[in-house]
Amino acid sequence: MNLAFTLRKLTTAPLPAAVIYLGLLVSLLFTTANSISDLFGKRAEVAAVQAMLDQFESRRPATAKGGLAGAAPAGSPFLDGATVTVAGAALLQRVSSAVAKFGGNVLSSQVDLGAPSKAGFVTIIASCDIGQTGLQQLLYDLEAGMPFLFVDQLVVQTPAGFSGEGKLRILLTVSGQWQGAK
């Protein structure tokens, strides 16, 4: 009975009741503010993901605020050519000119006009030598431009005593989809 009397005295006295009331009010306000802050964070996260999805769906570059700026690559996403042989030659020319543009040389190449596992795709294998910075630019140029090209395999071999200067020897397998005769 002593505990009940003490509890009744705490809850009916004005000062302890006011302190308890203020404590509950502060905790309620804190919980509400925390929930609203979390809601705004989730909303911003959803907006960022939606913007990224829109960019991927339309294949357009991001605005200057988001990072990349500039026009989308022009041209067909498929390899051009009336026949698969012409499409293979176009792919070989595209890769060779990209290698040359970044200071490299194509040492040898081979065209695969359609492996059964990759129906509709034309693949080339090229052995090149190129500088380290040129390799980065080459890979970006191949995969970011039109037609859509895919670097399937990349093997990099450094010369003996490589100190960051000189050329790397690379074996590059690139493929692109041929749409077929129109």
N, C-alpha and C. Protein backbone atom coordinates (compact mmCIF):
# COMPACT_ATOMS: atom_id res chain seq x y z
N MET A 1 0.82 -1.18 0.00
CA MET A 1 0.00 0.00 0.00
C MET A 1 0.87 1.25 0.00
N ASN A 2 2.03 1.15 0.51
CA ASN A 2 2.95 2.26 0.55
C ASN A 2 3.37 2.66 -0.86
N LEU A 3 3.57 1.70 -1.76
CA LEU A 3 3.97 1.98 -3.14
C LEU A 3 2.85 2.68 -3.89
N ALA A 4 1.62 2.28 -3.68
CA ALA A 4 0.47 2.91 -4.34
C ALA A 4 0.33 4.35 -3.88
N PHE A 5 0.56 4.60 -2.62
CA PHE A 5 0.46 5.95 -2.10
C PHE A 5 1.54 6.85 -2.71
N THR A 6 2.76 6.34 -2.84
CA THR A 6 3.86 7.11 -3.41
C THR A 6 3.61 7.39 -4.90
N LEU A 7 3.09 6.42 -5.62
CA LEU A 7 2.80 6.60 -7.04
C LEU A 7 1.70 7.62 -7.23
N ARG A 8 0.66 7.56 -6.39
CA ARG A 8 -0.44 8.51 -6.49
C ARG A 8 0.06 9.91 -6.16
N LYS A 9 0.94 10.02 -5.20
CA LYS A 9 1.47 11.31 -4.80
C LYS A 9 2.31 11.92 -5.93
N LEU A 10 3.10 11.08 -6.67
CA LEU A 10 3.92 11.58 -7.77
C LEU A 10 3.06 12.05 -8.94
N THR A 11 2.00 11.33 -9.22
CA THR A 11 1.18 11.67 -10.40
C THR A 11 0.18 12.78 -10.10
N THR A 12 -0.12 13.05 -8.85
CA THR A 12 -1.08 14.11 -8.55
C THR A 12 -0.39 15.40 -8.16
N ALA A 13 0.86 15.34 -7.80
CA ALA A 13 1.60 16.56 -7.48
C ALA A 13 1.88 17.31 -8.77
N PRO A 14 1.74 18.64 -8.78
CA PRO A 14 1.87 19.41 -10.02
C PRO A 14 3.27 19.36 -10.65
N LEU A 15 4.34 19.45 -9.92
CA LEU A 15 5.68 19.50 -10.50
C LEU A 15 6.08 18.16 -11.13
N PRO A 16 5.97 17.06 -10.43
CA PRO A 16 6.32 15.79 -11.08
C PRO A 16 5.42 15.47 -12.27
N ALA A 17 4.17 15.80 -12.18
CA ALA A 17 3.26 15.54 -13.30
C ALA A 17 3.66 16.38 -14.52
N ALA A 18 4.08 17.62 -14.30
CA ALA A 18 4.51 18.48 -15.40
C ALA A 18 5.79 17.96 -16.04
N VAL A 19 6.70 17.47 -15.22
CA VAL A 19 7.97 16.91 -15.74
C VAL A 19 7.69 15.66 -16.56
N ILE A 20 6.84 14.80 -16.08
CA ILE A 20 6.49 13.58 -16.83
C ILE A 20 5.80 13.95 -18.14
N TYR A 21 4.88 14.93 -18.06
CA TYR A 21 4.18 15.39 -19.27
C TYR A 21 5.16 15.95 -20.30
N LEU A 22 6.07 16.81 -19.87
CA LEU A 22 7.06 17.39 -20.78
C LEU A 22 7.98 16.32 -21.36
N GLY A 23 8.37 15.35 -20.54
CA GLY A 23 9.22 14.25 -21.03
C GLY A 23 8.52 13.46 -22.13
N LEU A 24 7.25 13.14 -21.88
CA LEU A 24 6.48 12.42 -22.91
C LEU A 24 6.30 13.26 -24.17
N LEU A 25 6.06 14.56 -23.99
CA LEU A 25 5.88 15.46 -25.13
C LEU A 25 7.17 15.57 -25.94
N VAL A 26 8.31 15.69 -25.28
CA VAL A 26 9.60 15.78 -25.99
C VAL A 26 9.90 14.49 -26.73
N SER A 27 9.64 13.35 -26.09
CA SER A 27 9.91 12.08 -26.77
C SER A 27 8.97 11.89 -27.97
N LEU A 28 7.73 12.34 -27.85
CA LEU A 28 6.80 12.27 -28.98
C LEU A 28 7.26 13.17 -30.12
N LEU A 29 7.68 14.39 -29.80
CA LEU A 29 8.18 15.31 -30.83
C LEU A 29 9.45 14.77 -31.49
N PHE A 30 10.33 14.18 -30.68
CA PHE A 30 11.55 13.60 -31.23
C PHE A 30 11.22 12.45 -32.18
N THR A 31 10.31 11.58 -31.79
CA THR A 31 9.91 10.45 -32.64
C THR A 31 9.27 10.94 -33.93
N THR A 32 8.42 11.96 -33.83
CA THR A 32 7.77 12.52 -35.03
C THR A 32 8.79 13.15 -35.96
N ALA A 33 9.71 13.94 -35.42
CA ALA A 33 10.74 14.59 -36.24
C ALA A 33 11.64 13.54 -36.90
N ASN A 34 11.98 12.51 -36.17
CA ASN A 34 12.82 11.44 -36.72
C ASN A 34 12.10 10.72 -37.86
N SER A 35 10.82 10.46 -37.69
CA SER A 35 10.04 9.79 -38.74
C SER A 35 9.93 10.65 -39.99
N ILE A 36 9.69 11.95 -39.80
CA ILE A 36 9.58 12.86 -40.95
C ILE A 36 10.92 12.97 -41.66
N SER A 37 12.01 13.07 -40.90
CA SER A 37 13.34 13.12 -41.51
C SER A 37 13.64 11.86 -42.31
N ASP A 38 13.29 10.71 -41.77
CA ASP A 38 13.49 9.45 -42.47
C ASP A 38 12.64 9.40 -43.74
N LEU A 39 11.42 9.91 -43.67
CA LEU A 39 10.53 9.94 -44.83
C LEU A 39 11.12 10.80 -45.94
N PHE A 40 11.66 11.98 -45.59
CA PHE A 40 12.29 12.84 -46.60
C PHE A 40 13.53 12.18 -47.21
N GLY A 41 14.30 11.48 -46.38
CA GLY A 41 15.47 10.77 -46.90
C GLY A 41 15.08 9.68 -47.88
N LYS A 42 14.05 8.92 -47.55
CA LYS A 42 13.57 7.86 -48.47
C LYS A 42 13.04 8.47 -49.75
N ARG A 43 12.35 9.60 -49.63
CA ARG A 43 11.81 10.26 -50.82
C ARG A 43 12.92 10.73 -51.75
N ALA A 44 13.99 11.29 -51.21
CA ALA A 44 15.13 11.73 -52.01
C ALA A 44 15.82 10.53 -52.66
N GLU A 45 15.91 9.44 -51.92
CA GLU A 45 16.52 8.22 -52.46
C GLU A 45 15.71 7.67 -53.63
N VAL A 46 14.40 7.66 -53.49
CA VAL A 46 13.52 7.19 -54.58
C VAL A 46 13.64 8.10 -55.80
N ALA A 47 13.73 9.40 -55.58
CA ALA A 47 13.87 10.34 -56.70
C ALA A 47 15.20 10.12 -57.43
N ALA A 48 16.27 9.86 -56.70
CA ALA A 48 17.57 9.60 -57.33
C ALA A 48 17.55 8.32 -58.14
N VAL A 49 16.94 7.28 -57.59
CA VAL A 49 16.86 6.00 -58.31
C VAL A 49 15.96 6.14 -59.53
N GLN A 50 14.88 6.92 -59.43
CA GLN A 50 13.99 7.14 -60.57
C GLN A 50 14.71 7.90 -61.68
N ALA A 51 15.50 8.89 -61.31
CA ALA A 51 16.27 9.64 -62.31
C ALA A 51 17.27 8.74 -63.01
N MET A 52 17.92 7.84 -62.26
CA MET A 52 18.88 6.91 -62.85
C MET A 52 18.16 5.94 -63.79
N LEU A 53 16.99 5.48 -63.38
CA LEU A 53 16.21 4.57 -64.22
C LEU A 53 15.78 5.26 -65.50
N ASP A 54 15.32 6.50 -65.40
CA ASP A 54 14.94 7.25 -66.60
C ASP A 54 16.12 7.42 -67.54
N GLN A 55 17.31 7.68 -66.97
CA GLN A 55 18.50 7.84 -67.79
C GLN A 55 18.85 6.53 -68.51
N PHE A 56 18.77 5.41 -67.79
CA PHE A 56 19.08 4.12 -68.41
C PHE A 56 18.07 3.76 -69.48
N GLU A 57 16.80 4.06 -69.23
CA GLU A 57 15.77 3.70 -70.20
C GLU A 57 15.87 4.51 -71.48
N SER A 58 16.26 5.75 -71.36
CA SER A 58 16.32 6.59 -72.56
C SER A 58 17.72 6.67 -73.15
N ARG A 59 18.71 6.08 -72.48
CA ARG A 59 20.11 6.09 -72.94
C ARG A 59 20.59 7.50 -73.22
N ARG A 60 20.17 8.45 -72.40
CA ARG A 60 20.64 9.82 -72.55
C ARG A 60 21.63 10.12 -71.44
N PRO A 61 22.59 11.00 -71.68
CA PRO A 61 23.54 11.32 -70.63
C PRO A 61 22.88 12.17 -69.55
N ALA A 62 23.46 12.15 -68.37
CA ALA A 62 22.93 12.94 -67.26
C ALA A 62 23.16 14.41 -67.52
N THR A 63 22.42 15.25 -66.82
CA THR A 63 22.60 16.69 -66.94
C THR A 63 23.92 17.08 -66.29
N ALA A 64 24.31 18.33 -66.48
CA ALA A 64 25.57 18.79 -65.92
C ALA A 64 25.57 18.67 -64.39
N LYS A 65 24.40 18.80 -63.76
CA LYS A 65 24.31 18.66 -62.31
C LYS A 65 24.62 17.23 -61.89
N GLY A 66 24.17 16.25 -62.69
CA GLY A 66 24.34 14.86 -62.34
C GLY A 66 25.69 14.28 -62.69
N GLY A 67 26.44 14.89 -63.56
CA GLY A 67 27.74 14.34 -63.91
C GLY A 67 28.04 14.50 -65.38
N LEU A 68 27.72 13.49 -66.17
CA LEU A 68 28.06 13.52 -67.58
C LEU A 68 27.17 14.50 -68.32
N ALA A 69 27.73 15.19 -69.28
CA ALA A 69 26.95 16.12 -70.10
C ALA A 69 27.37 15.92 -71.55
N GLY A 70 26.47 16.17 -72.45
CA GLY A 70 26.78 16.03 -73.87
C GLY A 70 25.67 15.29 -74.57
N ALA A 71 25.84 15.12 -75.85
CA ALA A 71 24.81 14.48 -76.65
C ALA A 71 24.99 12.97 -76.62
N ALA A 72 23.88 12.27 -76.82
CA ALA A 72 23.92 10.82 -76.90
C ALA A 72 24.59 10.43 -78.20
N PRO A 73 25.29 9.29 -78.25
CA PRO A 73 25.95 8.89 -79.47
C PRO A 73 24.93 8.67 -80.59
N ALA A 74 25.32 9.10 -81.76
CA ALA A 74 24.43 8.98 -82.91
C ALA A 74 24.72 7.68 -83.66
N GLY A 75 23.73 7.18 -84.35
CA GLY A 75 23.93 5.99 -85.17
C GLY A 75 23.07 4.84 -84.70
N SER A 76 23.18 3.77 -85.45
CA SER A 76 22.41 2.56 -85.16
C SER A 76 23.11 1.76 -84.08
N PRO A 77 22.35 1.11 -83.19
CA PRO A 77 22.98 0.27 -82.17
C PRO A 77 23.48 -1.06 -82.73
N PHE A 78 23.13 -1.38 -83.99
CA PHE A 78 23.53 -2.63 -84.62
C PHE A 78 24.65 -2.38 -85.63
N LEU A 79 25.42 -3.43 -85.89
CA LEU A 79 26.47 -3.33 -86.91
C LEU A 79 25.82 -3.19 -88.28
N ASP A 80 26.36 -2.29 -89.08
CA ASP A 80 25.86 -2.08 -90.43
C ASP A 80 26.51 -3.06 -91.38
N GLY A 81 25.77 -3.44 -92.40
CA GLY A 81 26.31 -4.31 -93.43
C GLY A 81 25.22 -5.13 -94.07
N ALA A 82 25.32 -5.24 -95.39
CA ALA A 82 24.32 -6.02 -96.13
C ALA A 82 24.49 -7.51 -95.85
N THR A 83 25.72 -7.93 -95.58
CA THR A 83 25.99 -9.33 -95.26
C THR A 83 26.76 -9.39 -93.95
N VAL A 84 26.84 -10.57 -93.38
CA VAL A 84 27.57 -10.73 -92.14
C VAL A 84 29.07 -10.48 -92.36
N THR A 85 29.58 -10.74 -93.54
CA THR A 85 30.98 -10.49 -93.85
C THR A 85 31.27 -8.99 -93.85
N VAL A 86 30.37 -8.22 -94.45
CA VAL A 86 30.53 -6.76 -94.46
C VAL A 86 30.42 -6.21 -93.03
N ALA A 87 29.52 -6.76 -92.24
CA ALA A 87 29.38 -6.33 -90.85
C ALA A 87 30.65 -6.64 -90.07
N GLY A 88 31.26 -7.80 -90.31
CA GLY A 88 32.53 -8.16 -89.66
C GLY A 88 33.64 -7.20 -90.05
N ALA A 89 33.68 -6.83 -91.33
CA ALA A 89 34.69 -5.87 -91.79
C ALA A 89 34.47 -4.50 -91.16
N ALA A 90 33.21 -4.10 -91.01
CA ALA A 90 32.91 -2.82 -90.38
C ALA A 90 33.33 -2.82 -88.91
N LEU A 91 33.11 -3.93 -88.24
CA LEU A 91 33.52 -4.05 -86.84
C LEU A 91 35.04 -3.99 -86.72
N LEU A 92 35.73 -4.70 -87.60
CA LEU A 92 37.19 -4.68 -87.59
C LEU A 92 37.72 -3.28 -87.86
N GLN A 93 37.10 -2.58 -88.80
CA GLN A 93 37.52 -1.21 -89.11
C GLN A 93 37.27 -0.29 -87.91
N ARG A 94 36.13 -0.44 -87.25
CA ARG A 94 35.79 0.39 -86.09
C ARG A 94 36.81 0.20 -84.97
N VAL A 95 37.16 -1.05 -84.67
CA VAL A 95 38.12 -1.33 -83.60
C VAL A 95 39.51 -0.85 -84.00
N SER A 96 39.92 -1.11 -85.25
CA SER A 96 41.25 -0.69 -85.70
C SER A 96 41.40 0.82 -85.67
N SER A 97 40.37 1.55 -86.10
CA SER A 97 40.47 3.01 -86.09
C SER A 97 40.48 3.53 -84.65
N ALA A 98 39.75 2.89 -83.75
CA ALA A 98 39.76 3.32 -82.34
C ALA A 98 41.14 3.07 -81.72
N VAL A 99 41.75 1.94 -82.03
CA VAL A 99 43.09 1.64 -81.50
C VAL A 99 44.08 2.67 -82.03
N ALA A 100 44.01 2.98 -83.31
CA ALA A 100 44.93 3.95 -83.91
C ALA A 100 44.70 5.35 -83.34
N LYS A 101 43.43 5.69 -83.07
CA LYS A 101 43.10 7.02 -82.55
C LYS A 101 43.76 7.27 -81.20
N PHE A 102 43.98 6.23 -80.41
CA PHE A 102 44.56 6.40 -79.09
C PHE A 102 46.02 5.95 -79.03
N GLY A 103 46.69 5.97 -80.19
CA GLY A 103 48.13 5.75 -80.24
C GLY A 103 48.57 4.30 -80.23
N GLY A 104 47.71 3.39 -80.59
CA GLY A 104 48.07 1.98 -80.59
C GLY A 104 48.19 1.43 -82.00
N ASN A 105 48.62 0.19 -82.10
CA ASN A 105 48.75 -0.50 -83.39
C ASN A 105 48.08 -1.87 -83.28
N VAL A 106 47.34 -2.25 -84.32
CA VAL A 106 46.77 -3.59 -84.38
C VAL A 106 47.82 -4.50 -84.99
N LEU A 107 48.25 -5.50 -84.26
CA LEU A 107 49.29 -6.41 -84.73
C LEU A 107 48.69 -7.56 -85.54
N SER A 108 47.57 -8.09 -85.09
CA SER A 108 46.88 -9.14 -85.83
C SER A 108 45.41 -9.11 -85.44
N SER A 109 44.58 -9.69 -86.30
CA SER A 109 43.15 -9.72 -86.01
C SER A 109 42.53 -10.95 -86.65
N GLN A 110 41.39 -11.32 -86.08
CA GLN A 110 40.64 -12.46 -86.59
C GLN A 110 39.17 -12.15 -86.42
N VAL A 111 38.35 -12.43 -87.45
CA VAL A 111 36.92 -12.17 -87.41
C VAL A 111 36.18 -13.49 -87.27
N ASP A 112 35.27 -13.55 -86.31
CA ASP A 112 34.40 -14.71 -86.12
C ASP A 112 33.00 -14.26 -86.51
N LEU A 113 32.45 -14.82 -87.56
CA LEU A 113 31.20 -14.32 -88.13
C LEU A 113 29.94 -14.92 -87.53
N GLY A 114 30.03 -15.51 -86.41
CA GLY A 114 28.81 -15.99 -85.77
C GLY A 114 29.00 -17.36 -85.15
N ALA A 115 29.43 -17.36 -83.92
CA ALA A 115 29.55 -18.61 -83.18
C ALA A 115 28.15 -19.09 -82.82
N PRO A 116 27.92 -20.39 -82.80
CA PRO A 116 26.58 -20.89 -82.47
C PRO A 116 26.08 -20.43 -81.09
N SER A 117 26.99 -20.21 -80.15
CA SER A 117 26.58 -19.78 -78.82
C SER A 117 26.16 -18.31 -78.80
N LYS A 118 26.56 -17.54 -79.81
CA LYS A 118 26.22 -16.13 -79.87
C LYS A 118 25.58 -15.81 -81.22
N ALA A 119 24.45 -16.40 -81.48
CA ALA A 119 23.76 -16.19 -82.76
C ALA A 119 23.41 -14.72 -82.94
N GLY A 120 23.71 -14.20 -84.12
CA GLY A 120 23.42 -12.81 -84.43
C GLY A 120 24.54 -11.85 -84.06
N PHE A 121 25.59 -12.35 -83.44
CA PHE A 121 26.70 -11.49 -83.05
C PHE A 121 27.91 -11.77 -83.93
N VAL A 122 28.65 -10.72 -84.19
CA VAL A 122 29.91 -10.81 -84.92
C VAL A 122 31.00 -10.47 -83.91
N THR A 123 32.05 -11.27 -83.88
CA THR A 123 33.12 -11.10 -82.90
C THR A 123 34.45 -10.98 -83.59
N ILE A 124 35.30 -10.10 -83.09
CA ILE A 124 36.68 -10.04 -83.58
C ILE A 124 37.62 -10.23 -82.41
N ILE A 125 38.77 -10.79 -82.72
CA ILE A 125 39.85 -10.93 -81.75
C ILE A 125 41.02 -10.15 -82.33
N ALA A 126 41.52 -9.19 -81.58
CA ALA A 126 42.60 -8.35 -82.07
C ALA A 126 43.75 -8.35 -81.06
N SER A 127 44.95 -8.46 -81.57
CA SER A 127 46.14 -8.33 -80.76
C SER A 127 46.71 -6.95 -81.06
N CYS A 128 46.91 -6.15 -80.02
CA CYS A 128 47.34 -4.75 -80.20
C CYS A 128 48.43 -4.41 -79.21
N ASP A 129 49.11 -3.31 -79.49
CA ASP A 129 49.94 -2.69 -78.48
C ASP A 129 49.50 -1.25 -78.35
N ILE A 130 49.39 -0.79 -77.10
CA ILE A 130 48.83 0.54 -76.82
C ILE A 130 49.35 1.00 -75.46
N GLY A 131 49.42 2.31 -75.28
CA GLY A 131 49.84 2.86 -73.99
C GLY A 131 48.77 2.67 -72.93
N GLN A 132 49.19 2.81 -71.67
CA GLN A 132 48.27 2.56 -70.56
C GLN A 132 47.10 3.54 -70.57
N THR A 133 47.33 4.82 -70.78
CA THR A 133 46.23 5.78 -70.83
C THR A 133 45.39 5.58 -72.08
N GLY A 134 46.02 5.18 -73.16
CA GLY A 134 45.28 4.91 -74.39
C GLY A 134 44.34 3.72 -74.23
N LEU A 135 44.74 2.74 -73.43
CA LEU A 135 43.89 1.56 -73.19
C LEU A 135 42.60 1.96 -72.51
N GLN A 136 42.67 2.81 -71.50
CA GLN A 136 41.46 3.29 -70.83
C GLN A 136 40.55 4.01 -71.80
N GLN A 137 41.11 4.89 -72.59
CA GLN A 137 40.31 5.66 -73.55
C GLN A 137 39.73 4.75 -74.62
N LEU A 138 40.48 3.75 -75.05
CA LEU A 138 40.01 2.80 -76.07
C LEU A 138 38.80 2.03 -75.56
N LEU A 139 38.88 1.51 -74.34
CA LEU A 139 37.78 0.74 -73.79
C LEU A 139 36.52 1.60 -73.66
N TYR A 140 36.69 2.82 -73.20
CA TYR A 140 35.54 3.71 -73.09
C TYR A 140 34.94 4.02 -74.46
N ASP A 141 35.80 4.32 -75.42
CA ASP A 141 35.33 4.64 -76.77
C ASP A 141 34.56 3.48 -77.39
N LEU A 142 35.06 2.28 -77.21
CA LEU A 142 34.40 1.12 -77.81
C LEU A 142 33.03 0.87 -77.17
N GLU A 143 32.95 0.95 -75.86
CA GLU A 143 31.70 0.58 -75.18
C GLU A 143 30.70 1.72 -75.10
N ALA A 144 31.12 2.97 -75.25
CA ALA A 144 30.19 4.09 -75.11
C ALA A 144 29.63 4.56 -76.44
N GLY A 145 30.27 4.22 -77.55
CA GLY A 145 29.83 4.71 -78.84
C GLY A 145 28.80 3.83 -79.50
N MET A 146 28.47 4.19 -80.72
CA MET A 146 27.54 3.40 -81.53
C MET A 146 28.34 2.78 -82.66
N PRO A 147 28.03 1.62 -83.12
CA PRO A 147 27.04 0.68 -82.61
C PRO A 147 27.46 0.14 -81.25
N PHE A 148 26.51 -0.48 -80.55
CA PHE A 148 26.82 -1.05 -79.25
C PHE A 148 27.83 -2.18 -79.43
N LEU A 149 28.97 -2.02 -78.79
CA LEU A 149 30.02 -3.04 -78.83
C LEU A 149 30.29 -3.52 -77.42
N PHE A 150 30.66 -4.76 -77.30
CA PHE A 150 30.90 -5.36 -76.00
C PHE A 150 32.31 -5.93 -75.97
N VAL A 151 33.08 -5.55 -74.96
CA VAL A 151 34.41 -6.12 -74.78
C VAL A 151 34.21 -7.41 -74.00
N ASP A 152 34.31 -8.52 -74.70
CA ASP A 152 34.06 -9.83 -74.09
C ASP A 152 35.25 -10.33 -73.29
N GLN A 153 36.45 -10.01 -73.79
CA GLN A 153 37.65 -10.48 -73.11
C GLN A 153 38.75 -9.47 -73.31
N LEU A 154 39.54 -9.27 -72.28
CA LEU A 154 40.68 -8.36 -72.33
C LEU A 154 41.82 -9.02 -71.57
N VAL A 155 42.92 -9.25 -72.28
CA VAL A 155 44.11 -9.81 -71.66
C VAL A 155 45.22 -8.78 -71.86
N VAL A 156 45.81 -8.34 -70.76
CA VAL A 156 46.85 -7.31 -70.81
C VAL A 156 48.17 -7.93 -70.37
N GLN A 157 49.22 -7.69 -71.17
CA GLN A 157 50.54 -8.20 -70.84
C GLN A 157 51.50 -7.01 -70.84
N THR A 158 52.21 -6.85 -69.74
CA THR A 158 53.18 -5.76 -69.65
C THR A 158 54.54 -6.26 -70.09
N PRO A 159 55.31 -5.39 -70.73
CA PRO A 159 56.67 -5.79 -71.11
C PRO A 159 57.56 -5.91 -69.87
N ALA A 160 58.64 -6.67 -69.99
CA ALA A 160 59.57 -6.84 -68.88
C ALA A 160 60.16 -5.49 -68.50
N GLY A 161 60.24 -5.23 -67.21
CA GLY A 161 60.80 -3.97 -66.73
C GLY A 161 59.87 -2.80 -66.97
N PHE A 162 58.56 -3.04 -67.00
CA PHE A 162 57.56 -2.00 -67.27
C PHE A 162 57.53 -1.01 -66.12
N SER A 163 57.71 0.27 -66.43
CA SER A 163 57.72 1.30 -65.38
C SER A 163 56.59 2.30 -65.58
N GLY A 164 55.54 1.91 -66.28
CA GLY A 164 54.43 2.83 -66.53
C GLY A 164 54.55 3.50 -67.89
N GLU A 165 55.73 3.43 -68.48
CA GLU A 165 55.93 4.01 -69.81
C GLU A 165 56.07 2.87 -70.80
N GLY A 166 55.85 3.16 -72.04
CA GLY A 166 55.91 2.13 -73.06
C GLY A 166 54.52 1.62 -73.36
N LYS A 167 54.47 0.59 -74.17
CA LYS A 167 53.17 0.10 -74.62
C LYS A 167 52.87 -1.27 -74.02
N LEU A 168 51.60 -1.46 -73.75
CA LEU A 168 51.10 -2.73 -73.26
C LEU A 168 50.71 -3.59 -74.45
N ARG A 169 50.87 -4.87 -74.33
CA ARG A 169 50.40 -5.80 -75.36
C ARG A 169 49.06 -6.31 -74.89
N ILE A 170 48.01 -6.14 -75.71
CA ILE A 170 46.68 -6.58 -75.28
C ILE A 170 46.08 -7.52 -76.31
N LEU A 171 45.27 -8.42 -75.82
CA LEU A 171 44.46 -9.29 -76.65
C LEU A 171 43.02 -8.92 -76.31
N LEU A 172 42.29 -8.47 -77.30
CA LEU A 172 40.98 -7.87 -77.12
C LEU A 172 39.95 -8.63 -77.93
N THR A 173 38.87 -9.08 -77.28
CA THR A 173 37.77 -9.72 -77.99
C THR A 173 36.57 -8.80 -77.89
N VAL A 174 36.10 -8.34 -79.05
CA VAL A 174 35.00 -7.37 -79.12
C VAL A 174 33.89 -7.97 -79.96
N SER A 175 32.64 -7.79 -79.52
CA SER A 175 31.52 -8.30 -80.31
C SER A 175 30.45 -7.22 -80.44
N GLY A 176 29.68 -7.36 -81.50
CA GLY A 176 28.56 -6.46 -81.75
C GLY A 176 27.47 -7.25 -82.44
N GLN A 177 26.24 -6.81 -82.30
CA GLN A 177 25.12 -7.53 -82.89
C GLN A 177 24.85 -7.03 -84.30
N TRP A 178 24.71 -7.98 -85.22
CA TRP A 178 24.35 -7.67 -86.59
C TRP A 178 22.87 -7.94 -86.75
N GLN A 179 22.16 -6.97 -87.27
CA GLN A 179 20.71 -7.07 -87.36
C GLN A 179 20.26 -8.00 -88.48
N GLY A 180 21.11 -8.22 -89.42
CA GLY A 180 20.77 -9.08 -90.55
C GLY A 180 20.48 -8.24 -91.77
N ALA A 181 20.25 -8.92 -92.89
CA ALA A 181 19.97 -8.21 -94.15
C ALA A 181 18.63 -7.51 -94.04
N LYS A 182 18.58 -6.29 -94.56
CA LYS A 182 17.34 -5.50 -94.48
C LYS A 182 16.51 -5.68 -95.71
